[in-house]
Amino acid sequence: MSPRVCYALLLALWLGGFAHSIVQVALILNLPFCGPNQLNNFFCDVPQVIKLACTDTFVVELLMVIKLACTDTFVVELLMVSNSGLLTLLCFLGLLASYAVILCRVKGHSSEGKSKAMSTCITHIIIVFLMFGPAIFMYTHPFRAFPADKVVSLFHTVIFPLLNPVIYTLRNQEVKASMIKLLSQHRVF
């Protein structure tokens, strides 16, 4: 990968993230908030903020513009699911496709190189599943309460980000040797 391609990818990611955020802010900016201001979740995210909207005035105005008849925040929810959910799903599938390409290219190399690449890719794929699984669940379903919502959001925002450095640290041979030494001193092994 050349530096030019790297910079182009970096710029595209920054601009894409900025555009994604602007769309979300624009969708909720005109919603009227006059009711309760407490979220029933562990973190504040756009779906929870939309649930706090007290009337459907914005949605009714939006629906009149696009000539649809609906009585709840369905359109805003649909736009948010298509914005966040589709983007999350596409990123997930793109990452899986890139790892598939890497694994296919490594297939013809030496067994030592193949083993190292497989080990690295498998670890990364596990992290991708751990991070994107809950995100896809949270952002692709309608804004209705499901029993697993709080558990999934807790794992997505707290547990998996804490596990990420642990997983990568345990791949380091020096860290593994130190942990085995420490655990053997306490007669765990």
N, C-alpha and C. Protein backbone atom coordinates (compact mmCIF):
# COMPACT_ATOMS: atom_id res chain seq x y z
N MET A 1 0.86 -1.17 0.00
CA MET A 1 0.00 0.00 0.00
C MET A 1 0.90 1.23 0.00
N SER A 2 0.64 2.09 -0.91
CA SER A 2 1.45 3.31 -1.02
C SER A 2 0.94 4.35 -0.02
N PRO A 3 1.80 5.30 0.33
CA PRO A 3 1.35 6.37 1.24
C PRO A 3 0.16 7.15 0.67
N ARG A 4 0.13 7.32 -0.64
CA ARG A 4 -0.97 8.05 -1.26
C ARG A 4 -2.30 7.33 -1.04
N VAL A 5 -2.32 6.00 -1.23
CA VAL A 5 -3.53 5.21 -1.00
C VAL A 5 -3.92 5.26 0.47
N CYS A 6 -2.92 5.18 1.33
CA CYS A 6 -3.18 5.23 2.78
C CYS A 6 -3.82 6.56 3.16
N TYR A 7 -3.29 7.66 2.65
CA TYR A 7 -3.86 8.98 2.95
C TYR A 7 -5.26 9.13 2.36
N ALA A 8 -5.47 8.59 1.17
CA ALA A 8 -6.80 8.65 0.55
C ALA A 8 -7.82 7.86 1.38
N LEU A 9 -7.44 6.69 1.85
CA LEU A 9 -8.33 5.90 2.70
C LEU A 9 -8.62 6.63 4.01
N LEU A 10 -7.60 7.22 4.59
CA LEU A 10 -7.77 7.96 5.84
C LEU A 10 -8.72 9.13 5.65
N LEU A 11 -8.53 9.88 4.58
CA LEU A 11 -9.41 11.02 4.29
C LEU A 11 -10.84 10.55 4.06
N ALA A 12 -11.01 9.46 3.31
CA ALA A 12 -12.35 8.93 3.05
C ALA A 12 -13.03 8.51 4.35
N LEU A 13 -12.29 7.88 5.25
CA LEU A 13 -12.87 7.46 6.53
C LEU A 13 -13.28 8.66 7.37
N TRP A 14 -12.44 9.67 7.43
CA TRP A 14 -12.77 10.87 8.21
C TRP A 14 -13.99 11.58 7.62
N LEU A 15 -14.01 11.74 6.31
CA LEU A 15 -15.16 12.40 5.68
C LEU A 15 -16.43 11.57 5.83
N GLY A 16 -16.31 10.26 5.69
CA GLY A 16 -17.47 9.39 5.88
C GLY A 16 -18.02 9.46 7.29
N GLY A 17 -17.14 9.42 8.28
CA GLY A 17 -17.56 9.53 9.68
C GLY A 17 -18.21 10.87 9.97
N PHE A 18 -17.64 11.93 9.40
CA PHE A 18 -18.21 13.27 9.60
C PHE A 18 -19.59 13.36 8.96
N ALA A 19 -19.73 12.87 7.74
CA ALA A 19 -21.03 12.90 7.05
C ALA A 19 -22.06 12.08 7.81
N HIS A 20 -21.64 10.91 8.30
CA HIS A 20 -22.54 10.05 9.07
C HIS A 20 -23.05 10.78 10.31
N SER A 21 -22.16 11.45 11.03
CA SER A 21 -22.56 12.19 12.23
C SER A 21 -23.46 13.36 11.91
N ILE A 22 -23.16 14.08 10.85
CA ILE A 22 -23.98 15.23 10.46
C ILE A 22 -25.40 14.78 10.12
N VAL A 23 -25.55 13.68 9.42
CA VAL A 23 -26.88 13.16 9.07
C VAL A 23 -27.65 12.84 10.35
N GLN A 24 -27.00 12.19 11.31
CA GLN A 24 -27.70 11.84 12.55
C GLN A 24 -28.12 13.08 13.33
N VAL A 25 -27.23 14.04 13.43
CA VAL A 25 -27.56 15.28 14.15
C VAL A 25 -28.70 16.01 13.44
N ALA A 26 -28.65 16.07 12.12
CA ALA A 26 -29.70 16.74 11.36
C ALA A 26 -31.06 16.07 11.56
N LEU A 27 -31.07 14.76 11.68
CA LEU A 27 -32.34 14.05 11.87
C LEU A 27 -32.96 14.33 13.23
N ILE A 28 -32.15 14.51 14.26
CA ILE A 28 -32.74 14.71 15.60
C ILE A 28 -32.77 16.17 16.03
N LEU A 29 -32.17 17.06 15.26
CA LEU A 29 -32.07 18.46 15.66
C LEU A 29 -33.43 19.13 15.84
N ASN A 30 -34.38 18.83 14.97
CA ASN A 30 -35.69 19.49 15.03
C ASN A 30 -36.73 18.73 15.82
N LEU A 31 -36.37 17.61 16.41
CA LEU A 31 -37.34 16.88 17.21
C LEU A 31 -37.63 17.67 18.48
N PRO A 32 -38.90 17.77 18.86
CA PRO A 32 -39.24 18.49 20.10
C PRO A 32 -39.05 17.59 21.32
N PHE A 33 -38.35 18.10 22.31
CA PHE A 33 -38.11 17.36 23.54
C PHE A 33 -38.71 18.14 24.69
N CYS A 34 -39.82 17.63 25.24
CA CYS A 34 -40.47 18.34 26.34
C CYS A 34 -40.83 17.40 27.49
N GLY A 35 -40.59 16.13 27.32
CA GLY A 35 -40.99 15.16 28.33
C GLY A 35 -39.84 14.78 29.24
N PRO A 36 -39.79 13.52 29.64
CA PRO A 36 -38.73 13.07 30.54
C PRO A 36 -37.36 13.16 29.86
N ASN A 37 -36.35 13.38 30.67
CA ASN A 37 -35.00 13.49 30.12
C ASN A 37 -34.08 12.41 30.66
N GLN A 38 -34.65 11.27 31.00
CA GLN A 38 -33.85 10.16 31.49
C GLN A 38 -33.93 9.00 30.51
N LEU A 39 -32.75 8.46 30.22
CA LEU A 39 -32.67 7.33 29.29
C LEU A 39 -32.72 6.03 30.07
N ASN A 40 -33.34 5.04 29.48
CA ASN A 40 -33.40 3.72 30.08
C ASN A 40 -32.31 2.84 29.46
N ASN A 41 -31.05 3.30 29.59
CA ASN A 41 -29.93 2.57 29.02
C ASN A 41 -28.65 3.01 29.72
N PHE A 42 -27.53 2.38 29.34
CA PHE A 42 -26.25 2.68 29.96
C PHE A 42 -25.51 3.82 29.29
N PHE A 43 -25.89 4.16 28.08
CA PHE A 43 -25.20 5.22 27.37
C PHE A 43 -26.20 5.98 26.50
N CYS A 44 -25.82 7.17 26.13
CA CYS A 44 -26.68 8.02 25.31
C CYS A 44 -26.30 7.83 23.86
N ASP A 45 -27.25 7.38 23.08
CA ASP A 45 -27.04 7.18 21.66
C ASP A 45 -28.28 7.69 20.93
N VAL A 46 -28.19 7.88 19.66
CA VAL A 46 -29.27 8.47 18.88
C VAL A 46 -30.60 7.74 19.06
N PRO A 47 -30.66 6.41 19.01
CA PRO A 47 -31.97 5.76 19.21
C PRO A 47 -32.61 6.10 20.56
N GLN A 48 -31.81 6.21 21.61
CA GLN A 48 -32.37 6.57 22.91
C GLN A 48 -32.85 8.03 22.92
N VAL A 49 -32.13 8.91 22.25
CA VAL A 49 -32.54 10.31 22.18
C VAL A 49 -33.84 10.45 21.41
N ILE A 50 -33.99 9.70 20.33
CA ILE A 50 -35.23 9.76 19.54
C ILE A 50 -36.42 9.28 20.38
N LYS A 51 -36.19 8.31 21.25
CA LYS A 51 -37.27 7.82 22.11
C LYS A 51 -37.78 8.91 23.05
N LEU A 52 -36.95 9.92 23.35
CA LEU A 52 -37.33 11.00 24.26
C LEU A 52 -38.17 12.08 23.58
N ALA A 53 -38.30 12.06 22.27
CA ALA A 53 -39.09 13.06 21.57
C ALA A 53 -40.54 12.97 22.05
N CYS A 54 -41.12 14.12 22.37
CA CYS A 54 -42.44 14.09 23.00
C CYS A 54 -43.59 14.15 22.01
N THR A 55 -43.38 14.65 20.81
CA THR A 55 -44.46 14.66 19.82
C THR A 55 -43.91 14.20 18.48
N ASP A 56 -44.82 14.03 17.58
CA ASP A 56 -44.44 13.59 16.24
C ASP A 56 -44.53 14.75 15.24
N THR A 57 -44.44 16.00 15.73
CA THR A 57 -44.58 17.16 14.86
C THR A 57 -43.59 17.13 13.71
N PHE A 58 -42.34 16.89 14.05
CA PHE A 58 -41.29 16.86 13.02
C PHE A 58 -41.58 15.77 12.00
N VAL A 59 -41.99 14.60 12.49
CA VAL A 59 -42.27 13.48 11.59
C VAL A 59 -43.46 13.80 10.70
N VAL A 60 -44.51 14.40 11.26
CA VAL A 60 -45.68 14.75 10.47
C VAL A 60 -45.28 15.74 9.37
N GLU A 61 -44.46 16.75 9.71
CA GLU A 61 -43.99 17.71 8.70
C GLU A 61 -43.17 17.01 7.63
N LEU A 62 -42.29 16.13 8.06
CA LEU A 62 -41.46 15.39 7.11
C LEU A 62 -42.31 14.51 6.21
N LEU A 63 -43.32 13.87 6.80
CA LEU A 63 -44.19 13.00 6.02
C LEU A 63 -45.02 13.79 5.02
N MET A 64 -45.43 15.00 5.40
CA MET A 64 -46.19 15.84 4.46
C MET A 64 -45.31 16.20 3.26
N VAL A 65 -44.04 16.40 3.52
CA VAL A 65 -43.12 16.72 2.43
C VAL A 65 -42.97 15.54 1.49
N ILE A 66 -42.84 14.34 2.04
CA ILE A 66 -42.64 13.16 1.18
C ILE A 66 -43.94 12.39 0.92
N LYS A 67 -45.07 12.97 1.33
CA LYS A 67 -46.40 12.43 1.01
C LYS A 67 -46.65 11.02 1.55
N LEU A 68 -46.31 10.81 2.80
CA LEU A 68 -46.60 9.54 3.46
C LEU A 68 -47.51 9.81 4.65
N ALA A 69 -48.26 8.82 5.06
CA ALA A 69 -49.13 8.96 6.23
C ALA A 69 -48.66 8.00 7.31
N CYS A 70 -48.27 8.54 8.43
CA CYS A 70 -47.78 7.73 9.53
C CYS A 70 -47.94 8.54 10.81
N THR A 71 -48.15 7.88 11.94
CA THR A 71 -48.43 8.62 13.16
C THR A 71 -47.32 8.59 14.19
N ASP A 72 -46.27 7.82 14.00
CA ASP A 72 -45.21 7.81 14.99
C ASP A 72 -43.88 8.19 14.35
N THR A 73 -42.80 8.00 15.04
CA THR A 73 -41.49 8.41 14.55
C THR A 73 -40.89 7.37 13.62
N PHE A 74 -41.72 6.69 12.89
CA PHE A 74 -41.29 5.61 12.01
C PHE A 74 -40.27 6.07 10.97
N VAL A 75 -40.51 7.22 10.35
CA VAL A 75 -39.62 7.70 9.29
C VAL A 75 -38.24 8.00 9.86
N VAL A 76 -38.19 8.69 11.00
CA VAL A 76 -36.89 8.99 11.61
C VAL A 76 -36.19 7.69 11.98
N GLU A 77 -36.94 6.74 12.54
CA GLU A 77 -36.35 5.45 12.88
C GLU A 77 -35.83 4.75 11.64
N LEU A 78 -36.60 4.78 10.57
CA LEU A 78 -36.18 4.14 9.32
C LEU A 78 -34.92 4.79 8.77
N LEU A 79 -34.86 6.10 8.81
CA LEU A 79 -33.67 6.81 8.34
C LEU A 79 -32.45 6.49 9.21
N MET A 80 -32.68 6.39 10.52
CA MET A 80 -31.56 6.09 11.43
C MET A 80 -31.08 4.66 11.24
N VAL A 81 -32.01 3.72 11.08
CA VAL A 81 -31.62 2.33 10.86
C VAL A 81 -30.87 2.21 9.54
N SER A 82 -31.37 2.90 8.52
CA SER A 82 -30.67 2.81 7.23
C SER A 82 -29.32 3.50 7.29
N ASN A 83 -29.21 4.56 8.07
CA ASN A 83 -27.94 5.27 8.19
C ASN A 83 -26.94 4.48 9.03
N SER A 84 -27.29 4.21 10.27
CA SER A 84 -26.35 3.54 11.18
C SER A 84 -26.28 2.04 10.93
N GLY A 85 -27.43 1.41 10.81
CA GLY A 85 -27.45 -0.04 10.66
C GLY A 85 -26.81 -0.50 9.37
N LEU A 86 -27.17 0.15 8.28
CA LEU A 86 -26.61 -0.23 6.98
C LEU A 86 -25.11 0.04 6.93
N LEU A 87 -24.70 1.17 7.47
CA LEU A 87 -23.28 1.50 7.49
C LEU A 87 -22.49 0.50 8.33
N THR A 88 -23.02 0.14 9.49
CA THR A 88 -22.37 -0.84 10.35
C THR A 88 -22.28 -2.19 9.65
N LEU A 89 -23.36 -2.61 9.05
CA LEU A 89 -23.38 -3.89 8.34
C LEU A 89 -22.40 -3.90 7.16
N LEU A 90 -22.35 -2.81 6.41
CA LEU A 90 -21.42 -2.74 5.28
C LEU A 90 -19.97 -2.75 5.75
N CYS A 91 -19.66 -2.05 6.83
CA CYS A 91 -18.29 -2.08 7.37
C CYS A 91 -17.92 -3.48 7.82
N PHE A 92 -18.85 -4.15 8.48
CA PHE A 92 -18.61 -5.52 8.95
C PHE A 92 -18.33 -6.46 7.77
N LEU A 93 -19.19 -6.39 6.76
CA LEU A 93 -19.00 -7.24 5.59
C LEU A 93 -17.72 -6.89 4.83
N GLY A 94 -17.39 -5.61 4.78
CA GLY A 94 -16.14 -5.19 4.14
C GLY A 94 -14.92 -5.73 4.86
N LEU A 95 -14.95 -5.69 6.18
CA LEU A 95 -13.82 -6.25 6.96
C LEU A 95 -13.70 -7.75 6.75
N LEU A 96 -14.83 -8.45 6.79
CA LEU A 96 -14.78 -9.90 6.56
C LEU A 96 -14.26 -10.22 5.17
N ALA A 97 -14.68 -9.44 4.18
CA ALA A 97 -14.20 -9.67 2.81
C ALA A 97 -12.69 -9.42 2.72
N SER A 98 -12.20 -8.39 3.40
CA SER A 98 -10.77 -8.11 3.35
C SER A 98 -9.96 -9.23 4.00
N TYR A 99 -10.47 -9.77 5.10
CA TYR A 99 -9.77 -10.90 5.73
C TYR A 99 -9.83 -12.15 4.87
N ALA A 100 -10.94 -12.34 4.16
CA ALA A 100 -11.04 -13.48 3.24
C ALA A 100 -10.01 -13.35 2.13
N VAL A 101 -9.83 -12.14 1.60
CA VAL A 101 -8.83 -11.92 0.56
C VAL A 101 -7.43 -12.19 1.10
N ILE A 102 -7.14 -11.71 2.29
CA ILE A 102 -5.82 -11.94 2.90
C ILE A 102 -5.58 -13.44 3.07
N LEU A 103 -6.55 -14.15 3.60
CA LEU A 103 -6.39 -15.59 3.82
C LEU A 103 -6.23 -16.35 2.50
N CYS A 104 -6.93 -15.92 1.47
CA CYS A 104 -6.78 -16.58 0.16
C CYS A 104 -5.40 -16.32 -0.43
N ARG A 105 -4.87 -15.13 -0.23
CA ARG A 105 -3.54 -14.80 -0.75
C ARG A 105 -2.44 -15.54 -0.01
N VAL A 106 -2.64 -15.79 1.27
CA VAL A 106 -1.62 -16.44 2.10
C VAL A 106 -1.60 -17.95 1.85
N LYS A 107 -2.65 -18.47 1.28
CA LYS A 107 -2.82 -19.92 1.12
C LYS A 107 -1.62 -20.59 0.44
N GLY A 108 -0.99 -19.94 -0.50
CA GLY A 108 0.10 -20.56 -1.23
C GLY A 108 1.48 -20.33 -0.63
N HIS A 109 1.58 -19.68 0.50
CA HIS A 109 2.88 -19.37 1.11
C HIS A 109 3.36 -20.50 2.01
N SER A 110 4.54 -20.30 2.59
CA SER A 110 5.14 -21.32 3.46
C SER A 110 4.25 -21.58 4.67
N SER A 111 4.42 -22.75 5.26
CA SER A 111 3.56 -23.13 6.38
C SER A 111 3.77 -22.23 7.59
N GLU A 112 5.01 -21.76 7.82
CA GLU A 112 5.25 -20.87 8.96
C GLU A 112 4.56 -19.53 8.76
N GLY A 113 4.71 -18.97 7.56
CA GLY A 113 4.05 -17.70 7.24
C GLY A 113 2.55 -17.84 7.24
N LYS A 114 2.08 -18.96 6.72
CA LYS A 114 0.65 -19.21 6.68
C LYS A 114 0.09 -19.32 8.10
N SER A 115 0.81 -20.02 8.96
CA SER A 115 0.36 -20.20 10.34
C SER A 115 0.29 -18.86 11.08
N LYS A 116 1.31 -18.02 10.89
CA LYS A 116 1.33 -16.71 11.55
C LYS A 116 0.19 -15.83 11.03
N ALA A 117 -0.01 -15.83 9.71
CA ALA A 117 -1.08 -15.02 9.13
C ALA A 117 -2.45 -15.52 9.59
N MET A 118 -2.63 -16.84 9.62
CA MET A 118 -3.90 -17.41 10.08
C MET A 118 -4.17 -17.03 11.53
N SER A 119 -3.14 -17.13 12.36
CA SER A 119 -3.29 -16.78 13.77
C SER A 119 -3.70 -15.33 13.94
N THR A 120 -3.03 -14.44 13.22
CA THR A 120 -3.35 -13.01 13.30
C THR A 120 -4.75 -12.73 12.76
N CYS A 121 -5.07 -13.30 11.61
CA CYS A 121 -6.38 -13.05 11.01
C CYS A 121 -7.52 -13.60 11.86
N ILE A 122 -7.34 -14.77 12.42
CA ILE A 122 -8.39 -15.37 13.26
C ILE A 122 -8.64 -14.49 14.48
N THR A 123 -7.58 -13.99 15.09
CA THR A 123 -7.75 -13.09 16.24
C THR A 123 -8.50 -11.84 15.83
N HIS A 124 -8.12 -11.26 14.70
CA HIS A 124 -8.80 -10.05 14.24
C HIS A 124 -10.26 -10.33 13.91
N ILE A 125 -10.55 -11.47 13.31
CA ILE A 125 -11.93 -11.81 12.97
C ILE A 125 -12.77 -11.98 14.23
N ILE A 126 -12.19 -12.56 15.27
CA ILE A 126 -12.90 -12.69 16.55
C ILE A 126 -13.24 -11.31 17.10
N ILE A 127 -12.27 -10.40 17.06
CA ILE A 127 -12.51 -9.03 17.54
C ILE A 127 -13.58 -8.35 16.70
N VAL A 128 -13.53 -8.54 15.38
CA VAL A 128 -14.54 -7.94 14.50
C VAL A 128 -15.94 -8.46 14.87
N PHE A 129 -16.07 -9.76 15.10
CA PHE A 129 -17.37 -10.31 15.50
C PHE A 129 -17.81 -9.77 16.86
N LEU A 130 -16.86 -9.68 17.80
CA LEU A 130 -17.21 -9.18 19.13
C LEU A 130 -17.66 -7.72 19.10
N MET A 131 -17.03 -6.92 18.25
CA MET A 131 -17.38 -5.51 18.19
C MET A 131 -18.59 -5.24 17.31
N PHE A 132 -18.67 -5.91 16.18
CA PHE A 132 -19.75 -5.61 15.24
C PHE A 132 -21.03 -6.37 15.53
N GLY A 133 -20.96 -7.52 16.17
CA GLY A 133 -22.17 -8.27 16.49
C GLY A 133 -23.18 -7.46 17.28
N PRO A 134 -22.79 -6.94 18.45
CA PRO A 134 -23.72 -6.11 19.20
C PRO A 134 -24.11 -4.83 18.47
N ALA A 135 -23.17 -4.23 17.74
CA ALA A 135 -23.48 -2.99 17.02
C ALA A 135 -24.55 -3.25 15.95
N ILE A 136 -24.42 -4.35 15.24
CA ILE A 136 -25.42 -4.68 14.23
C ILE A 136 -26.78 -4.93 14.90
N PHE A 137 -26.77 -5.62 16.04
CA PHE A 137 -28.02 -5.85 16.77
C PHE A 137 -28.65 -4.53 17.18
N MET A 138 -27.85 -3.61 17.73
CA MET A 138 -28.39 -2.36 18.26
C MET A 138 -28.87 -1.41 17.17
N TYR A 139 -28.20 -1.39 16.03
CA TYR A 139 -28.51 -0.38 15.03
C TYR A 139 -29.34 -0.87 13.85
N THR A 140 -29.63 -2.16 13.77
CA THR A 140 -30.44 -2.62 12.65
C THR A 140 -31.85 -3.02 13.05
N HIS A 141 -32.17 -3.02 14.33
CA HIS A 141 -33.55 -3.33 14.69
C HIS A 141 -34.31 -2.04 14.98
N PRO A 142 -35.64 -2.07 14.87
CA PRO A 142 -36.44 -0.87 15.13
C PRO A 142 -36.23 -0.39 16.56
N PHE A 143 -36.60 0.85 16.82
CA PHE A 143 -36.38 1.44 18.13
C PHE A 143 -37.44 0.99 19.12
N ARG A 144 -37.56 -0.27 19.31
CA ARG A 144 -38.47 -0.85 20.30
C ARG A 144 -37.62 -1.53 21.35
N ALA A 145 -38.15 -1.61 22.54
CA ALA A 145 -37.40 -2.23 23.63
C ALA A 145 -37.41 -3.74 23.48
N PHE A 146 -36.23 -4.32 23.51
CA PHE A 146 -36.07 -5.77 23.53
C PHE A 146 -35.43 -6.13 24.87
N PRO A 147 -35.72 -7.31 25.40
CA PRO A 147 -35.14 -7.68 26.70
C PRO A 147 -33.62 -7.66 26.70
N ALA A 148 -32.99 -7.94 25.60
CA ALA A 148 -31.53 -8.03 25.55
C ALA A 148 -30.85 -6.69 25.29
N ASP A 149 -31.59 -5.60 25.11
CA ASP A 149 -30.99 -4.32 24.74
C ASP A 149 -29.92 -3.84 25.72
N LYS A 150 -30.24 -3.85 27.01
CA LYS A 150 -29.28 -3.35 28.00
C LYS A 150 -28.04 -4.24 28.09
N VAL A 151 -28.25 -5.53 28.02
CA VAL A 151 -27.11 -6.46 28.10
C VAL A 151 -26.20 -6.27 26.89
N VAL A 152 -26.80 -6.19 25.71
CA VAL A 152 -26.02 -6.01 24.49
C VAL A 152 -25.29 -4.67 24.51
N SER A 153 -25.96 -3.60 24.95
CA SER A 153 -25.29 -2.30 24.99
C SER A 153 -24.17 -2.28 26.03
N LEU A 154 -24.35 -2.98 27.14
CA LEU A 154 -23.27 -3.07 28.13
C LEU A 154 -22.06 -3.79 27.55
N PHE A 155 -22.29 -4.89 26.87
CA PHE A 155 -21.18 -5.62 26.25
C PHE A 155 -20.53 -4.77 25.17
N HIS A 156 -21.35 -4.07 24.37
CA HIS A 156 -20.81 -3.28 23.26
C HIS A 156 -19.99 -2.08 23.73
N THR A 157 -20.42 -1.44 24.81
CA THR A 157 -19.75 -0.21 25.24
C THR A 157 -18.71 -0.42 26.34
N VAL A 158 -18.79 -1.52 27.09
CA VAL A 158 -17.88 -1.70 28.21
C VAL A 158 -17.05 -2.98 28.10
N ILE A 159 -17.71 -4.12 28.04
CA ILE A 159 -17.02 -5.41 28.14
C ILE A 159 -16.09 -5.66 26.96
N PHE A 160 -16.60 -5.57 25.73
CA PHE A 160 -15.75 -5.88 24.56
C PHE A 160 -14.61 -4.89 24.37
N PRO A 161 -14.82 -3.58 24.59
CA PRO A 161 -13.66 -2.68 24.50
C PRO A 161 -12.59 -2.99 25.55
N LEU A 162 -13.00 -3.51 26.71
CA LEU A 162 -12.01 -3.92 27.72
C LEU A 162 -11.30 -5.20 27.31
N LEU A 163 -12.01 -6.09 26.64
CA LEU A 163 -11.41 -7.35 26.20
C LEU A 163 -10.44 -7.17 25.04
N ASN A 164 -10.66 -6.17 24.22
CA ASN A 164 -9.84 -5.96 23.03
C ASN A 164 -8.35 -5.86 23.36
N PRO A 165 -7.92 -4.98 24.26
CA PRO A 165 -6.48 -4.94 24.56
C PRO A 165 -5.98 -6.22 25.23
N VAL A 166 -6.82 -6.87 26.01
CA VAL A 166 -6.41 -8.12 26.66
C VAL A 166 -6.13 -9.18 25.61
N ILE A 167 -7.01 -9.29 24.62
CA ILE A 167 -6.83 -10.30 23.57
C ILE A 167 -5.54 -10.04 22.81
N TYR A 168 -5.28 -8.78 22.45
CA TYR A 168 -4.07 -8.48 21.70
C TYR A 168 -2.81 -8.61 22.56
N THR A 169 -2.94 -8.29 23.84
CA THR A 169 -1.79 -8.43 24.75
C THR A 169 -1.43 -9.89 24.92
N LEU A 170 -2.41 -10.77 25.01
CA LEU A 170 -2.13 -12.19 25.21
C LEU A 170 -1.47 -12.83 23.98
N ARG A 171 -1.46 -12.14 22.87
CA ARG A 171 -0.77 -12.65 21.69
C ARG A 171 0.73 -12.39 21.77
N ASN A 172 1.15 -11.52 22.65
CA ASN A 172 2.56 -11.18 22.81
C ASN A 172 3.26 -12.30 23.59
N GLN A 173 4.33 -12.84 23.05
CA GLN A 173 5.03 -13.97 23.67
C GLN A 173 5.62 -13.61 25.04
N GLU A 174 6.14 -12.39 25.17
CA GLU A 174 6.70 -11.97 26.46
C GLU A 174 5.63 -11.89 27.54
N VAL A 175 4.48 -11.38 27.18
CA VAL A 175 3.37 -11.28 28.14
C VAL A 175 2.91 -12.69 28.53
N LYS A 176 2.80 -13.58 27.54
CA LYS A 176 2.40 -14.96 27.84
C LYS A 176 3.39 -15.61 28.81
N ALA A 177 4.68 -15.46 28.53
CA ALA A 177 5.70 -16.07 29.39
C ALA A 177 5.64 -15.49 30.81
N SER A 178 5.44 -14.18 30.92
CA SER A 178 5.34 -13.56 32.24
C SER A 178 4.11 -14.04 33.00
N MET A 179 3.00 -14.18 32.30
CA MET A 179 1.78 -14.65 32.96
C MET A 179 1.93 -16.10 33.42
N ILE A 180 2.53 -16.93 32.57
CA ILE A 180 2.74 -18.33 32.96
C ILE A 180 3.65 -18.41 34.17
N LYS A 181 4.70 -17.58 34.18
CA LYS A 181 5.63 -17.55 35.31
C LYS A 181 4.91 -17.11 36.59
N LEU A 182 4.11 -16.05 36.48
CA LEU A 182 3.37 -15.54 37.63
C LEU A 182 2.36 -16.57 38.14
N LEU A 183 1.63 -17.20 37.23
CA LEU A 183 0.64 -18.18 37.63
C LEU A 183 1.28 -19.45 38.19
N SER A 184 2.44 -19.82 37.66
CA SER A 184 3.12 -21.01 38.20
C SER A 184 3.67 -20.75 39.60
N GLN A 185 4.04 -19.52 39.90
CA GLN A 185 4.49 -19.17 41.25
C GLN A 185 3.36 -19.32 42.26
N HIS A 186 2.16 -19.11 41.82
CA HIS A 186 1.00 -19.25 42.70
C HIS A 186 0.34 -20.60 42.53
N ARG A 187 1.01 -21.50 41.87
CA ARG A 187 0.61 -22.89 41.69
C ARG A 187 -0.78 -23.05 41.06
N VAL A 188 -1.07 -22.20 40.10
CA VAL A 188 -2.31 -22.33 39.36
C VAL A 188 -2.16 -23.44 38.33
N PHE A 189 -0.93 -23.58 37.74
CA PHE A 189 -0.69 -24.63 36.74
C PHE A 189 -0.02 -25.80 37.39
